[in-house]
Amino acid sequence: MNKFEELKYNVDALHRAIAENQKFFSPIYNFVEKLYEFMTTRLDGAKKEEIRFLAQKIEDFFSQYRPSPSLDFPYILPTETSLNDDTVREIYRLSLELDRLPPEEFETIKPKLTSGIPKKPNQGLNEATSHLDLLLMRFPVVVRQLKQRYSERETLIVKDEYDVQDLLHALLKIYFEDVRPEEYTPSYAGSASRIDFLLKKDEIVVETKMASKRLRDKLVGEQLIIDIKKYQVHPGCKTLYCLIYDPNSFIKNAPALVNDLSSKHGDLSVKVFVVPQ
């Protein structure tokens, strides 16, 4: 999934949220509509300067509701902005990255997309990986939404890695019928170990981690390197997905972690997601 595709998914999510509360979002309603139009029906005519301008307007609106570091009293964000703030941050980040691309590279990305937000990606492995890309990128948004229950009813609070696994297991069931949790890997370095989820039909393994005071950049990287070597000898694994959930920003250089390890390792394809960023 390239930056343009990722931007489209986030714009679609924001567009749906804005439509549900047009009164609150009236100052940016037209900006969101215009950006959504660029990402769907007017993709060929989209210019990176216009995308950056629209994303900046949306970011400016949301930034005024974020707490200032200088505040000396508790501040509660409005529900309308808190539920969508991560999405807006992603839209703004991606618009900046697209704006920095050379014009020819920017143009080569666009033709790869079809008009409209894709409802069904490519078939086979491409379909499976497209679903996983979206689920892992949107994982923190789901966590945030679960906290917003009517009349403060009980919900799943994601506090540790087991909670991450429980929620991800439920989300995987949306797209995958055969989700096998807690499968054992073949022996590596003298011992067998468990994996989080095996999507046997697609030969994909999904591993989860939750960053903490103890589990930061260096240790996460070391564990992922061990995981990669372990799954290189797993006969049922051709693709490894690693979800690192980091709600408290313990990972200080997420892009480096992702870029260093998301690649082909022998016959094993590896994709690392650190969310939210």
C-alpha atoms as a PDB file:
ATOM      1  CA  MET A   1       0.000   0.000   0.000  1.00  0.00           C
ATOM      2  CA  ASN A   2       1.600   3.267  -1.121  1.00  0.00           C
ATOM      3  CA  LYS A   3       1.188   6.680   0.508  1.00  0.00           C
ATOM      4  CA  PHE A   4      -1.639   7.684  -1.814  1.00  0.00           C
ATOM      5  CA  GLU A   5      -3.649   4.561  -1.023  1.00  0.00           C
ATOM      6  CA  GLU A   6      -3.061   5.023   2.710  1.00  0.00           C
ATOM      7  CA  LEU A   7      -4.208   8.621   2.438  1.00  0.00           C
ATOM      8  CA  LYS A   8      -7.382   7.522   0.656  1.00  0.00           C
ATOM      9  CA  TYR A   9      -8.330   5.134   3.472  1.00  0.00           C
ATOM     10  CA  ASN A  10      -7.845   7.825   6.113  1.00  0.00           C
ATOM     11  CA  VAL A  11      -9.735  10.468   4.128  1.00  0.00           C
ATOM     12  CA  ASP A  12     -12.619   8.052   3.688  1.00  0.00           C
ATOM     13  CA  ALA A  13     -12.743   7.407   7.454  1.00  0.00           C
ATOM     14  CA  LEU A  14     -12.743  11.147   8.226  1.00  0.00           C
ATOM     15  CA  HIS A  15     -15.375  11.840   5.568  1.00  0.00           C
ATOM     16  CA  ARG A  16     -17.723   9.325   7.209  1.00  0.00           C
ATOM     17  CA  ALA A  17     -17.163  10.854  10.655  1.00  0.00           C
ATOM     18  CA  ILE A  18     -17.763  14.406   9.412  1.00  0.00           C
ATOM     19  CA  ALA A  19     -21.014  13.343   7.737  1.00  0.00           C
ATOM     20  CA  GLU A  20     -22.372  12.154  11.097  1.00  0.00           C
ATOM     21  CA  ASN A  21     -21.885  15.547  12.774  1.00  0.00           C
ATOM     22  CA  GLN A  22     -21.930  18.265  10.141  1.00  0.00           C
ATOM     23  CA  LYS A  23     -22.856  20.960  12.644  1.00  0.00           C
ATOM     24  CA  PHE A  24     -19.738  20.581  14.790  1.00  0.00           C
ATOM     25  CA  PHE A  25     -17.478  20.156  11.774  1.00  0.00           C
ATOM     26  CA  SER A  26     -19.089  22.884   9.679  1.00  0.00           C
ATOM     27  CA  PRO A  27     -15.869  25.031   9.600  1.00  0.00           C
ATOM     28  CA  ILE A  28     -14.008  22.275   7.753  1.00  0.00           C
ATOM     29  CA  TYR A  29     -16.880  20.440   6.055  1.00  0.00           C
ATOM     30  CA  ASN A  30     -16.110  21.860   2.604  1.00  0.00           C
ATOM     31  CA  PHE A  31     -12.384  21.167   2.970  1.00  0.00           C
ATOM     32  CA  VAL A  32     -13.041  17.515   3.825  1.00  0.00           C
ATOM     33  CA  GLU A  33     -15.526  17.195   0.955  1.00  0.00           C
ATOM     34  CA  LYS A  34     -13.015  18.651  -1.479  1.00  0.00           C
ATOM     35  CA  LEU A  35     -10.233  16.359  -0.275  1.00  0.00           C
ATOM     36  CA  TYR A  36     -12.555  13.354  -0.485  1.00  0.00           C
ATOM     37  CA  GLU A  37     -13.473  14.366  -4.026  1.00  0.00           C
ATOM     38  CA  PHE A  38      -9.800  14.522  -4.988  1.00  0.00           C
ATOM     39  CA  MET A  39      -9.195  11.072  -3.496  1.00  0.00           C
ATOM     40  CA  THR A  40     -12.119   9.488  -5.333  1.00  0.00           C
ATOM     41  CA  THR A  41     -13.795  10.956  -8.414  1.00  0.00           C
ATOM     42  CA  ARG A  42     -11.059  13.466  -9.359  1.00  0.00           C
ATOM     43  CA  LEU A  43      -7.964  11.402  -8.669  1.00  0.00           C
ATOM     44  CA  ASP A  44      -6.297  12.162 -12.014  1.00  0.00           C
ATOM     45  CA  GLY A  45      -6.605  15.903 -11.409  1.00  0.00           C
ATOM     46  CA  ALA A  46      -5.295  15.864  -7.853  1.00  0.00           C
ATOM     47  CA  LYS A  47      -2.296  18.115  -7.265  1.00  0.00           C
ATOM     48  CA  LYS A  48      -0.055  17.679  -4.272  1.00  0.00           C
ATOM     49  CA  GLU A  49      -0.173  21.410  -3.447  1.00  0.00           C
ATOM     50  CA  GLU A  50      -3.974  21.281  -3.221  1.00  0.00           C
ATOM     51  CA  ILE A  51      -3.900  18.138  -1.099  1.00  0.00           C
ATOM     52  CA  ARG A  52      -1.402  19.779   1.252  1.00  0.00           C
ATOM     53  CA  PHE A  53      -3.546  22.949   1.467  1.00  0.00           C
ATOM     54  CA  LEU A  54      -6.733  21.036   2.322  1.00  0.00           C
ATOM     55  CA  ALA A  55      -4.964  18.797   4.839  1.00  0.00           C
ATOM     56  CA  GLN A  56      -3.463  21.890   6.496  1.00  0.00           C
ATOM     57  CA  LYS A  57      -6.913  23.468   6.921  1.00  0.00           C
ATOM     58  CA  ILE A  58      -8.234  20.296   8.548  1.00  0.00           C
ATOM     59  CA  GLU A  59      -5.164  20.010  10.778  1.00  0.00           C
ATOM     60  CA  ASP A  60      -5.528  23.655  11.890  1.00  0.00           C
ATOM     61  CA  PHE A  61      -9.118  23.024  12.980  1.00  0.00           C
ATOM     62  CA  PHE A  62      -8.221  19.935  15.025  1.00  0.00           C
ATOM     63  CA  SER A  63      -5.064  21.439  16.522  1.00  0.00           C
ATOM     64  CA  GLN A  64      -7.052  24.167  18.296  1.00  0.00           C
ATOM     65  CA  TYR A  65      -8.776  21.464  20.377  1.00  0.00           C
ATOM     66  CA  ARG A  66      -5.582  19.716  21.451  1.00  0.00           C
ATOM     67  CA  PRO A  67      -4.280  20.486  24.946  1.00  0.00           C
ATOM     68  CA  SER A  68      -1.417  22.934  25.243  1.00  0.00           C
ATOM     69  CA  PRO A  69       1.667  21.798  27.213  1.00  0.00           C
ATOM     70  CA  SER A  70       1.440  25.036  29.179  1.00  0.00           C
ATOM     71  CA  LEU A  71      -1.968  24.184  30.673  1.00  0.00           C
ATOM     72  CA  ASP A  72      -1.818  23.644  34.430  1.00  0.00           C
ATOM     73  CA  PHE A  73      -5.250  22.051  34.740  1.00  0.00           C
ATOM     74  CA  PRO A  74      -6.862  18.887  33.309  1.00  0.00           C
ATOM     75  CA  TYR A  75      -8.232  19.295  29.813  1.00  0.00           C
ATOM     76  CA  ILE A  76     -10.711  16.907  28.198  1.00  0.00           C
ATOM     77  CA  LEU A  77     -10.846  16.916  24.416  1.00  0.00           C
ATOM     78  CA  PRO A  78     -14.253  17.099  22.760  1.00  0.00           C
ATOM     79  CA  THR A  79     -15.412  13.620  21.783  1.00  0.00           C
ATOM     80  CA  GLU A  80     -15.866  14.728  18.174  1.00  0.00           C
ATOM     81  CA  THR A  81     -12.189  15.581  17.763  1.00  0.00           C
ATOM     82  CA  SER A  82     -10.676  12.961  20.082  1.00  0.00           C
ATOM     83  CA  LEU A  83     -12.245  10.127  18.088  1.00  0.00           C
ATOM     84  CA  ASN A  84     -10.808  11.416  14.828  1.00  0.00           C
ATOM     85  CA  ASP A  85      -7.566  13.079  15.888  1.00  0.00           C
ATOM     86  CA  ASP A  86      -5.338  10.130  14.972  1.00  0.00           C
ATOM     87  CA  THR A  87      -6.928  10.016  11.528  1.00  0.00           C
ATOM     88  CA  VAL A  88      -6.343  13.733  10.974  1.00  0.00           C
ATOM     89  CA  ARG A  89      -2.721  13.457  12.116  1.00  0.00           C
ATOM     90  CA  GLU A  90      -2.215  10.647   9.592  1.00  0.00           C
ATOM     91  CA  ILE A  91      -3.829  12.677   6.805  1.00  0.00           C
ATOM     92  CA  TYR A  92      -1.599  15.649   7.565  1.00  0.00           C
ATOM     93  CA  ARG A  93       1.549  13.508   7.819  1.00  0.00           C
ATOM     94  CA  LEU A  94       0.837  11.776   4.525  1.00  0.00           C
ATOM     95  CA  SER A  95       0.033  15.067   2.779  1.00  0.00           C
ATOM     96  CA  LEU A  96       3.454  16.389   3.826  1.00  0.00           C
ATOM     97  CA  GLU A  97       5.178  13.247   2.591  1.00  0.00           C
ATOM     98  CA  LEU A  98       3.364  13.447  -0.750  1.00  0.00           C
ATOM     99  CA  ASP A  99       4.223  17.134  -1.045  1.00  0.00           C
ATOM    100  CA  ARG A 100       7.920  16.295  -0.686  1.00  0.00           C
ATOM    101  CA  LEU A 101       7.867  13.760  -3.533  1.00  0.00           C
ATOM    102  CA  PRO A 102       9.391  14.776  -6.872  1.00  0.00           C
ATOM    103  CA  PRO A 103       6.590  15.607  -9.364  1.00  0.00           C
ATOM    104  CA  GLU A 104       7.309  12.593 -11.558  1.00  0.00           C
ATOM    105  CA  GLU A 105       7.174  10.181  -8.591  1.00  0.00           C
ATOM    106  CA  PHE A 106       3.944  11.786  -7.373  1.00  0.00           C
ATOM    107  CA  GLU A 107       2.356  11.257 -10.786  1.00  0.00           C
ATOM    108  CA  THR A 108       3.436   7.631 -11.041  1.00  0.00           C
ATOM    109  CA  ILE A 109       1.629   6.769  -7.802  1.00  0.00           C
ATOM    110  CA  LYS A 110      -1.777   8.049  -8.883  1.00  0.00           C
ATOM    111  CA  PRO A 111      -2.494   5.793 -11.881  1.00  0.00           C
ATOM    112  CA  LYS A 112      -2.133   2.733  -9.663  1.00  0.00           C
ATOM    113  CA  LEU A 113      -5.399   3.634  -7.946  1.00  0.00           C
ATOM    114  CA  THR A 114      -8.946   3.305  -9.147  1.00  0.00           C
ATOM    115  CA  SER A 115     -11.571   5.966  -8.538  1.00  0.00           C
ATOM    116  CA  GLY A 116     -13.369   5.697  -5.237  1.00  0.00           C
ATOM    117  CA  ILE A 117     -12.273   4.117  -1.987  1.00  0.00           C
ATOM    118  CA  PRO A 118     -11.673   0.462  -2.850  1.00  0.00           C
ATOM    119  CA  LYS A 119     -14.318  -1.796  -1.353  1.00  0.00           C
ATOM    120  CA  LYS A 120     -12.616  -5.026  -2.403  1.00  0.00           C
ATOM    121  CA  PRO A 121      -8.867  -5.177  -3.032  1.00  0.00           C
ATOM    122  CA  ASN A 122      -7.110  -7.592  -5.378  1.00  0.00           C
ATOM    123  CA  GLN A 123      -7.711 -11.335  -5.102  1.00  0.00           C
ATOM    124  CA  GLY A 124      -5.551 -14.001  -3.453  1.00  0.00           C
ATOM    125  CA  LEU A 125      -2.572 -13.003  -1.343  1.00  0.00           C
ATOM    126  CA  ASN A 126      -2.935  -9.360  -2.388  1.00  0.00           C
ATOM    127  CA  GLU A 127      -6.449  -9.376  -0.948  1.00  0.00           C
ATOM    128  CA  ALA A 128      -5.265 -10.849   2.341  1.00  0.00           C
ATOM    129  CA  THR A 129      -2.371  -8.404   2.706  1.00  0.00           C
ATOM    130  CA  SER A 130      -4.580  -5.437   1.795  1.00  0.00           C
ATOM    131  CA  HIS A 131      -7.038  -6.441   4.526  1.00  0.00           C
ATOM    132  CA  LEU A 132      -4.225  -6.831   7.056  1.00  0.00           C
ATOM    133  CA  ASP A 133      -2.659  -3.497   6.107  1.00  0.00           C
ATOM    134  CA  LEU A 134      -5.948  -1.755   6.793  1.00  0.00           C
ATOM    135  CA  LEU A 135      -6.720  -3.638  10.042  1.00  0.00           C
ATOM    136  CA  LEU A 136      -3.317  -2.935  11.563  1.00  0.00           C
ATOM    137  CA  MET A 137      -3.224   0.724  10.503  1.00  0.00           C
ATOM    138  CA  ARG A 138      -6.706   1.313  11.956  1.00  0.00           C
ATOM    139  CA  PHE A 139      -6.149  -0.745  15.126  1.00  0.00           C
ATOM    140  CA  PRO A 140      -5.642   2.287  17.430  1.00  0.00           C
ATOM    141  CA  VAL A 141      -8.799   3.912  16.063  1.00  0.00           C
ATOM    142  CA  VAL A 142     -10.779   0.806  17.047  1.00  0.00           C
ATOM    143  CA  VAL A 143      -9.223   0.865  20.522  1.00  0.00           C
ATOM    144  CA  ARG A 144     -10.218   4.510  20.920  1.00  0.00           C
ATOM    145  CA  GLN A 145     -13.763   3.896  19.713  1.00  0.00           C
ATOM    146  CA  LEU A 146     -14.266   1.034  22.189  1.00  0.00           C
ATOM    147  CA  LYS A 147     -13.703   3.486  25.040  1.00  0.00           C
ATOM    148  CA  GLN A 148     -16.678   5.582  23.919  1.00  0.00           C
ATOM    149  CA  ARG A 149     -19.521   3.411  25.222  1.00  0.00           C
ATOM    150  CA  TYR A 150     -23.005   4.604  26.060  1.00  0.00           C
ATOM    151  CA  SER A 151     -23.577   5.334  29.741  1.00  0.00           C
ATOM    152  CA  GLU A 152     -20.021   4.206  30.598  1.00  0.00           C
ATOM    153  CA  ARG A 153     -20.815   0.554  29.985  1.00  0.00           C
ATOM    154  CA  GLU A 154     -18.114  -2.076  30.346  1.00  0.00           C
ATOM    155  CA  THR A 155     -15.754  -2.471  27.419  1.00  0.00           C
ATOM    156  CA  LEU A 156     -12.399  -3.937  26.474  1.00  0.00           C
ATOM    157  CA  ILE A 157      -9.614  -1.698  27.753  1.00  0.00           C
ATOM    158  CA  VAL A 158      -6.355  -2.486  25.995  1.00  0.00           C
ATOM    159  CA  LYS A 159      -3.797  -2.508  28.799  1.00  0.00           C
ATOM    160  CA  ASP A 160      -1.365  -5.238  27.781  1.00  0.00           C
ATOM    161  CA  GLU A 161      -0.345  -7.596  25.000  1.00  0.00           C
ATOM    162  CA  TYR A 162      -3.088 -10.099  25.837  1.00  0.00           C
ATOM    163  CA  ASP A 163      -5.709  -7.399  25.293  1.00  0.00           C
ATOM    164  CA  VAL A 164      -4.060  -6.516  21.968  1.00  0.00           C
ATOM    165  CA  GLN A 165      -4.276 -10.170  20.926  1.00  0.00           C
ATOM    166  CA  ASP A 166      -7.932 -10.518  21.961  1.00  0.00           C
ATOM    167  CA  LEU A 167      -9.018  -7.461  20.009  1.00  0.00           C
ATOM    168  CA  LEU A 168      -6.931  -8.300  16.950  1.00  0.00           C
ATOM    169  CA  HIS A 169      -8.289 -11.861  16.959  1.00  0.00           C
ATOM    170  CA  ALA A 170     -11.835 -10.485  16.740  1.00  0.00           C
ATOM    171  CA  LEU A 171     -10.877  -8.086  13.943  1.00  0.00           C
ATOM    172  CA  LEU A 172      -9.148 -10.808  11.936  1.00  0.00           C
ATOM    173  CA  LYS A 173     -12.416 -12.771  11.943  1.00  0.00           C
ATOM    174  CA  ILE A 174     -13.942 -10.055   9.741  1.00  0.00           C
ATOM    175  CA  TYR A 175     -11.839 -11.093   6.754  1.00  0.00           C
ATOM    176  CA  PHE A 176     -10.380 -14.504   7.584  1.00  0.00           C
ATOM    177  CA  GLU A 177     -12.351 -17.654   8.369  1.00  0.00           C
ATOM    178  CA  ASP A 178      -9.406 -19.789   9.488  1.00  0.00           C
ATOM    179  CA  VAL A 179      -7.572 -17.865  12.214  1.00  0.00           C
ATOM    180  CA  ARG A 180      -5.439 -20.152  14.354  1.00  0.00           C
ATOM    181  CA  PRO A 181      -4.226 -18.612  17.608  1.00  0.00           C
ATOM    182  CA  GLU A 182      -1.336 -19.921  19.687  1.00  0.00           C
ATOM    183  CA  GLU A 183       0.138 -22.266  17.080  1.00  0.00           C
ATOM    184  CA  TYR A 184       3.579 -23.755  17.767  1.00  0.00           C
ATOM    185  CA  THR A 185       6.522 -23.004  15.484  1.00  0.00           C
ATOM    186  CA  PRO A 186       9.002 -25.699  14.468  1.00  0.00           C
ATOM    187  CA  SER A 187      12.021 -25.936  16.736  1.00  0.00           C
ATOM    188  CA  TYR A 188      14.408 -23.001  16.416  1.00  0.00           C
ATOM    189  CA  ALA A 189      17.613 -22.666  18.465  1.00  0.00           C
ATOM    190  CA  GLY A 190      16.716 -25.837  20.351  1.00  0.00           C
ATOM    191  CA  SER A 191      13.154 -25.009  21.398  1.00  0.00           C
ATOM    192  CA  ALA A 192       9.682 -24.567  19.971  1.00  0.00           C
ATOM    193  CA  SER A 193       7.665 -21.443  20.694  1.00  0.00           C
ATOM    194  CA  ARG A 194       4.145 -20.199  20.200  1.00  0.00           C
ATOM    195  CA  ILE A 195       3.011 -17.714  17.577  1.00  0.00           C
ATOM    196  CA  ASP A 196       0.086 -15.361  17.997  1.00  0.00           C
ATOM    197  CA  PHE A 197      -1.959 -16.024  14.853  1.00  0.00           C
ATOM    198  CA  LEU A 198      -1.559 -18.250  11.821  1.00  0.00           C
ATOM    199  CA  LEU A 199      -3.663 -17.558   8.720  1.00  0.00           C
ATOM    200  CA  LYS A 200      -2.998 -20.980   7.293  1.00  0.00           C
ATOM    201  CA  LYS A 201      -4.729 -20.591   3.917  1.00  0.00           C
ATOM    202  CA  ASP A 202      -2.711 -17.454   3.122  1.00  0.00           C
ATOM    203  CA  GLU A 203       0.518 -18.671   4.780  1.00  0.00           C
ATOM    204  CA  ILE A 204       0.646 -15.527   6.920  1.00  0.00           C
ATOM    205  CA  VAL A 205       1.710 -15.226  10.557  1.00  0.00           C
ATOM    206  CA  VAL A 206       0.687 -12.216  12.652  1.00  0.00           C
ATOM    207  CA  GLU A 207       2.724 -11.390  15.756  1.00  0.00           C
ATOM    208  CA  THR A 208       1.759  -8.731  18.300  1.00  0.00           C
ATOM    209  CA  LYS A 209       3.707  -6.720  20.826  1.00  0.00           C
ATOM    210  CA  MET A 210       2.798  -3.844  23.108  1.00  0.00           C
ATOM    211  CA  ALA A 211       5.517  -1.288  23.747  1.00  0.00           C
ATOM    212  CA  SER A 212       6.224  -0.468  27.377  1.00  0.00           C
ATOM    213  CA  LYS A 213       8.862   1.069  29.636  1.00  0.00           C
ATOM    214  CA  ARG A 214      10.785  -2.176  29.290  1.00  0.00           C
ATOM    215  CA  LEU A 215       9.935  -2.965  25.673  1.00  0.00           C
ATOM    216  CA  ARG A 216      11.355  -0.061  23.678  1.00  0.00           C
ATOM    217  CA  ASP A 217      13.118   0.386  20.327  1.00  0.00           C
ATOM    218  CA  LYS A 218      16.229  -1.725  20.994  1.00  0.00           C
ATOM    219  CA  LEU A 219      14.498  -4.696  22.623  1.00  0.00           C
ATOM    220  CA  VAL A 220      11.619  -4.676  20.142  1.00  0.00           C
ATOM    221  CA  GLY A 221      14.126  -4.711  17.282  1.00  0.00           C
ATOM    222  CA  GLU A 222      16.060  -7.578  18.834  1.00  0.00           C
ATOM    223  CA  GLN A 223      12.883  -9.598  19.370  1.00  0.00           C
ATOM    224  CA  LEU A 224      11.731  -8.990  15.800  1.00  0.00           C
ATOM    225  CA  ILE A 225      15.068 -10.168  14.415  1.00  0.00           C
ATOM    226  CA  ILE A 226      14.671 -13.402  16.403  1.00  0.00           C
ATOM    227  CA  ASP A 227      11.064 -13.724  15.172  1.00  0.00           C
ATOM    228  CA  ILE A 228      12.161 -13.292  11.568  1.00  0.00           C
ATOM    229  CA  LYS A 229      14.791 -16.030  11.856  1.00  0.00           C
ATOM    230  CA  LYS A 230      12.244 -18.268  13.570  1.00  0.00           C
ATOM    231  CA  TYR A 231       9.640 -17.902  10.834  1.00  0.00           C
ATOM    232  CA  GLN A 232      12.142 -18.381   8.037  1.00  0.00           C
ATOM    233  CA  VAL A 233      12.095 -22.092   8.973  1.00  0.00           C
ATOM    234  CA  HIS A 234       8.313 -22.283   9.449  1.00  0.00           C
ATOM    235  CA  PRO A 235       6.889 -24.333   6.530  1.00  0.00           C
ATOM    236  CA  GLY A 236       3.504 -22.619   6.694  1.00  0.00           C
ATOM    237  CA  CYS A 237       4.729 -19.012   6.788  1.00  0.00           C
ATOM    238  CA  LYS A 238       5.574 -16.986   3.695  1.00  0.00           C
ATOM    239  CA  THR A 239       4.638 -13.567   5.107  1.00  0.00           C
ATOM    240  CA  LEU A 240       5.161 -12.220   8.622  1.00  0.00           C
ATOM    241  CA  TYR A 241       3.142  -9.283   9.965  1.00  0.00           C
ATOM    242  CA  CYS A 242       4.328  -7.636  13.184  1.00  0.00           C
ATOM    243  CA  LEU A 243       1.988  -5.274  15.039  1.00  0.00           C
ATOM    244  CA  ILE A 244       3.646  -3.118  17.699  1.00  0.00           C
ATOM    245  CA  TYR A 245       0.955  -1.231  19.591  1.00  0.00           C
ATOM    246  CA  ASP A 246       2.514   1.863  21.161  1.00  0.00           C
ATOM    247  CA  PRO A 247      -0.196   4.122  22.652  1.00  0.00           C
ATOM    248  CA  ASN A 248       2.224   5.768  25.091  1.00  0.00           C
ATOM    249  CA  SER A 249       5.002   6.580  22.580  1.00  0.00           C
ATOM    250  CA  PHE A 250       7.692   4.379  24.124  1.00  0.00           C
ATOM    251  CA  ILE A 251       9.074   3.747  20.617  1.00  0.00           C
ATOM    252  CA  LYS A 252      11.133   6.838  19.846  1.00  0.00           C
ATOM    253  CA  ASN A 253      12.107   6.082  16.243  1.00  0.00           C
ATOM    254  CA  ALA A 254       9.260   4.062  14.750  1.00  0.00           C
ATOM    255  CA  PRO A 255      10.134   4.865  11.089  1.00  0.00           C
ATOM    256  CA  ALA A 256      13.634   3.429  11.546  1.00  0.00           C
ATOM    257  CA  LEU A 257      12.242   0.250  13.101  1.00  0.00           C
ATOM    258  CA  VAL A 258       9.730  -0.160  10.278  1.00  0.00           C
ATOM    259  CA  ASN A 259      12.161   0.654   7.453  1.00  0.00           C
ATOM    260  CA  ASP A 260      14.957  -1.560   8.787  1.00  0.00           C
ATOM    261  CA  LEU A 261      12.832  -4.697   9.120  1.00  0.00           C
ATOM    262  CA  SER A 262       9.982  -4.364   6.595  1.00  0.00           C
ATOM    263  CA  SER A 263      11.525  -6.128   3.628  1.00  0.00           C
ATOM    264  CA  LYS A 264      12.283  -9.510   2.112  1.00  0.00           C
ATOM    265  CA  HIS A 265      14.347 -11.755   4.386  1.00  0.00           C
ATOM    266  CA  GLY A 266      15.284 -14.696   2.215  1.00  0.00           C
ATOM    267  CA  ASP A 267      11.950 -16.223   1.151  1.00  0.00           C
ATOM    268  CA  LEU A 268      10.080 -14.509   4.005  1.00  0.00           C
ATOM    269  CA  SER A 269       8.286 -11.196   3.443  1.00  0.00           C
ATOM    270  CA  VAL A 270       8.100  -9.038   6.583  1.00  0.00           C
ATOM    271  CA  LYS A 271       5.822  -6.066   7.270  1.00  0.00           C
ATOM    272  CA  VAL A 272       6.124  -4.133  10.525  1.00  0.00           C
ATOM    273  CA  PHE A 273       3.489  -1.723  11.824  1.00  0.00           C
ATOM    274  CA  VAL A 274       4.054   0.600  14.797  1.00  0.00           C
ATOM    275  CA  VAL A 275       0.739   2.217  15.722  1.00  0.00           C
ATOM    276  CA  PRO A 276      -0.219   4.877  16.455  1.00  0.00           C
ATOM    277  CA  GLN A 277       2.596   7.087  15.155  1.00  0.00           C
END
